[in-house]
Amino acid sequence: MSERSRTKYIILGMLSIEPSSGYDITQSIKSSTAYFWSESEGQIYPTLAKCVANGLATCKEDPESNNRTRKIYTITPKGEKVLNEWLEKKPQESLVRNEFLLKLFFAKNISKEKILAHLETFIREEKASLDAFEKINKQLIQIEDPHKPYWLASLNYGIATTKAALEWAQNTLQVFKKS
């Protein structure tokens, strides 16, 4: 795990919510943090093994009814300490990589129709994201969980930035339609 890698922290964070299998962690990421931070399965399983080897998590085999054995991981006190130390540090600046904006920056080289098509696709995708966020928001509001205020804060950031991106894209679309 390089110092730039945050995989162990997302794993420890998920394990701080509840003991989980690698599959459960992957699914939790897909349904929660993937909107702003994702990890591949190819990163999750080796990092889980390293967390166990470094004493940050434990692993127990949990036989399932279908004759498969699941590995359930639990954060250790050492893992909680490492997670909390990381949480308390100032976040490193994120490198922004947005292929859509990169293409738009160089879009003078393509037809106006292609630019408009890219913007319309972007708007559709942002609307779909906003719909998904609002659905998640309705579900979150109804649950009781000590993590809820933090989940809602992250979700509200996604809603606000998506609304801003939509407004920008719709305005930009109108500018290009008039040009």
Protein backbone atom coordinates (compact mmCIF):
# COMPACT_ATOMS: atom_id res chain seq x y z
CA MET A 1 0.00 0.00 0.00
CA SER A 2 1.63 3.23 -1.10
CA GLU A 3 1.27 6.38 0.95
CA ARG A 4 -0.97 7.80 -1.81
CA SER A 5 -3.29 4.79 -1.64
CA ARG A 6 -6.37 5.27 0.48
CA THR A 7 -7.68 1.74 -0.01
CA LYS A 8 -6.81 0.61 3.51
CA TYR A 9 -8.67 3.60 4.95
CA ILE A 10 -11.87 2.96 3.04
CA ILE A 11 -11.68 -0.69 4.12
CA LEU A 12 -11.03 0.23 7.76
CA GLY A 13 -13.83 2.80 7.55
CA MET A 14 -16.28 0.20 6.24
CA LEU A 15 -15.17 -2.26 8.93
CA SER A 16 -15.68 0.45 11.57
CA ILE A 17 -19.37 0.42 10.59
CA GLU A 18 -19.69 -3.36 10.81
CA PRO A 19 -17.70 -6.58 10.31
CA SER A 20 -17.92 -7.54 6.64
CA SER A 21 -16.69 -9.85 3.93
CA GLY A 22 -14.68 -8.52 0.99
CA TYR A 23 -17.81 -8.83 -1.13
CA ASP A 24 -19.84 -6.89 1.44
CA ILE A 25 -17.23 -4.12 1.49
CA THR A 26 -17.28 -3.94 -2.32
CA GLN A 27 -21.09 -3.70 -2.32
CA SER A 28 -21.07 -1.08 0.44
CA ILE A 29 -18.62 1.03 -1.56
CA LYS A 30 -20.76 0.69 -4.70
CA SER A 31 -23.86 1.87 -2.84
CA SER A 32 -22.27 4.67 -0.84
CA THR A 33 -18.82 6.15 -1.39
CA ALA A 34 -18.49 5.22 -5.09
CA TYR A 35 -20.17 8.52 -5.93
CA PHE A 36 -17.05 10.29 -4.68
CA TRP A 37 -14.48 7.55 -3.96
CA SER A 38 -14.31 4.10 -5.47
CA GLU A 39 -12.01 1.14 -5.23
CA SER A 40 -11.69 -1.89 -7.48
CA GLU A 41 -12.08 -5.45 -6.24
CA GLY A 42 -8.50 -5.92 -7.40
CA GLN A 43 -7.47 -3.42 -4.72
CA ILE A 44 -9.85 -4.56 -1.97
CA TYR A 45 -8.83 -8.19 -1.49
CA PRO A 46 -5.04 -7.72 -1.41
CA THR A 47 -5.46 -4.74 0.91
CA LEU A 48 -7.71 -6.77 3.23
CA ALA A 49 -4.96 -9.40 3.43
CA LYS A 50 -2.39 -6.69 4.23
CA CYS A 51 -4.69 -5.22 6.90
CA VAL A 52 -4.88 -8.64 8.55
CA ALA A 53 -1.12 -9.20 8.22
CA ASN A 54 -0.46 -5.77 9.80
CA GLY A 55 -2.88 -6.37 12.67
CA LEU A 56 -5.40 -3.75 11.52
CA ALA A 57 -8.15 -6.33 11.03
CA THR A 58 -8.92 -9.92 11.91
CA CYS A 59 -10.44 -12.56 9.69
CA LYS A 60 -12.77 -15.42 10.64
CA GLU A 61 -14.26 -17.98 8.34
CA ASP A 62 -18.04 -18.03 8.40
CA PRO A 63 -19.53 -21.11 6.71
CA GLU A 64 -22.60 -20.28 4.65
CA SER A 65 -25.51 -22.58 3.89
CA ASN A 66 -24.44 -23.09 0.27
CA ASN A 67 -21.21 -24.88 1.28
CA ARG A 68 -19.10 -21.79 0.63
CA THR A 69 -16.96 -20.28 3.32
CA ARG A 70 -17.02 -16.51 3.66
CA LYS A 71 -14.23 -14.59 5.30
CA ILE A 72 -15.57 -11.99 7.72
CA TYR A 73 -13.20 -9.17 8.60
CA THR A 74 -13.36 -7.10 11.78
CA ILE A 75 -11.40 -3.96 12.57
CA THR A 76 -8.99 -4.28 15.50
CA PRO A 77 -8.16 -1.60 18.08
CA LYS A 78 -4.91 -1.01 16.15
CA GLY A 79 -6.97 -0.61 12.96
CA GLU A 80 -9.29 1.86 14.71
CA LYS A 81 -6.24 3.85 15.85
CA VAL A 82 -4.81 3.95 12.30
CA LEU A 83 -8.20 4.95 10.87
CA ASN A 84 -8.72 7.68 13.49
CA GLU A 85 -5.19 9.08 12.99
CA TRP A 86 -5.87 9.29 9.24
CA LEU A 87 -9.31 10.85 9.80
CA GLU A 88 -7.80 13.57 11.98
CA LYS A 89 -5.14 14.57 9.41
CA LYS A 90 -5.80 17.31 6.88
CA PRO A 91 -6.98 15.71 3.63
CA GLN A 92 -4.52 15.73 0.76
CA GLU A 93 -5.59 17.76 -2.24
CA SER A 94 -7.36 15.65 -4.79
CA LEU A 95 -6.20 15.64 -8.35
CA VAL A 96 -9.13 16.58 -10.56
CA ARG A 97 -9.44 14.33 -13.60
CA ASN A 98 -12.56 15.01 -15.63
CA GLU A 99 -12.45 13.67 -19.17
CA PHE A 100 -15.60 15.57 -20.13
CA LEU A 101 -14.01 18.93 -19.22
CA LEU A 102 -10.77 17.92 -20.92
CA LYS A 103 -12.67 17.20 -24.14
CA LEU A 104 -14.65 20.42 -23.80
CA PHE A 105 -11.40 22.37 -23.39
CA PHE A 106 -10.24 21.11 -26.81
CA ALA A 107 -13.71 21.00 -28.41
CA LYS A 108 -12.94 23.64 -31.03
CA ASN A 109 -11.51 20.73 -33.00
CA ILE A 110 -14.88 18.94 -33.35
CA SER A 111 -18.26 19.83 -34.79
CA LYS A 112 -20.81 21.91 -32.90
CA GLU A 113 -23.21 18.92 -33.10
CA LYS A 114 -20.70 16.70 -31.24
CA ILE A 115 -20.18 19.36 -28.57
CA LEU A 116 -23.96 19.66 -28.09
CA ALA A 117 -24.29 15.87 -27.95
CA HIS A 118 -21.59 15.66 -25.26
CA LEU A 119 -23.34 18.35 -23.22
CA GLU A 120 -26.75 16.69 -23.59
CA THR A 121 -25.27 13.34 -22.49
CA PHE A 122 -23.62 15.04 -19.52
CA ILE A 123 -26.94 16.64 -18.54
CA ARG A 124 -28.78 13.29 -18.76
CA GLU A 125 -26.14 11.58 -16.63
CA GLU A 126 -26.14 14.35 -14.02
CA LYS A 127 -29.94 14.22 -13.83
CA ALA A 128 -29.73 10.45 -13.29
CA SER A 129 -27.16 10.99 -10.53
CA LEU A 130 -29.35 13.62 -8.90
CA ASP A 131 -32.33 11.25 -9.00
CA ALA A 132 -30.21 8.51 -7.40
CA PHE A 133 -28.97 10.90 -4.69
CA GLU A 134 -32.48 12.04 -3.88
CA LYS A 135 -33.66 8.43 -3.64
CA ILE A 136 -30.79 7.62 -1.27
CA ASN A 137 -31.62 10.76 0.73
CA LYS A 138 -35.23 9.60 1.23
CA GLN A 139 -33.97 6.22 2.44
CA LEU A 140 -31.34 7.70 4.76
CA ILE A 141 -33.74 10.11 6.40
CA GLN A 142 -35.85 7.17 7.59
CA ILE A 143 -33.07 5.18 9.27
CA GLU A 144 -31.62 5.51 12.74
CA ASP A 145 -27.85 5.10 12.73
CA PRO A 146 -25.06 6.99 14.51
CA HIS A 147 -23.31 7.39 11.13
CA LYS A 148 -26.38 9.05 9.56
CA PRO A 149 -25.37 12.75 10.00
CA TYR A 150 -22.02 12.06 8.32
CA TRP A 151 -23.58 10.06 5.49
CA LEU A 152 -26.11 12.85 4.94
CA ALA A 153 -23.36 15.49 4.91
CA SER A 154 -21.51 13.56 2.18
CA LEU A 155 -24.73 12.99 0.27
CA ASN A 156 -25.73 16.67 0.52
CA TYR A 157 -22.36 17.61 -0.98
CA GLY A 158 -23.11 15.30 -3.91
CA ILE A 159 -26.58 16.80 -4.35
CA ALA A 160 -25.27 20.38 -4.22
CA THR A 161 -22.39 19.78 -6.65
CA THR A 162 -24.61 17.83 -9.03
CA LYS A 163 -27.17 20.64 -9.05
CA ALA A 164 -24.38 23.15 -9.72
CA ALA A 165 -22.97 20.99 -12.52
CA LEU A 166 -26.44 20.68 -14.05
CA GLU A 167 -27.00 24.43 -13.95
CA TRP A 168 -23.57 25.03 -15.50
CA ALA A 169 -24.16 22.42 -18.24
CA GLN A 170 -27.61 23.76 -19.12
CA ASN A 171 -26.24 27.32 -19.35
CA THR A 172 -23.26 26.12 -21.40
CA LEU A 173 -25.57 24.19 -23.72
CA GLN A 174 -27.57 27.36 -24.38
CA VAL A 175 -24.38 29.34 -25.07
CA PHE A 176 -23.21 26.78 -27.63
CA LYS A 177 -26.64 26.54 -29.23
CA LYS A 178 -26.58 30.32 -29.79
CA SER A 179 -23.01 30.40 -31.13
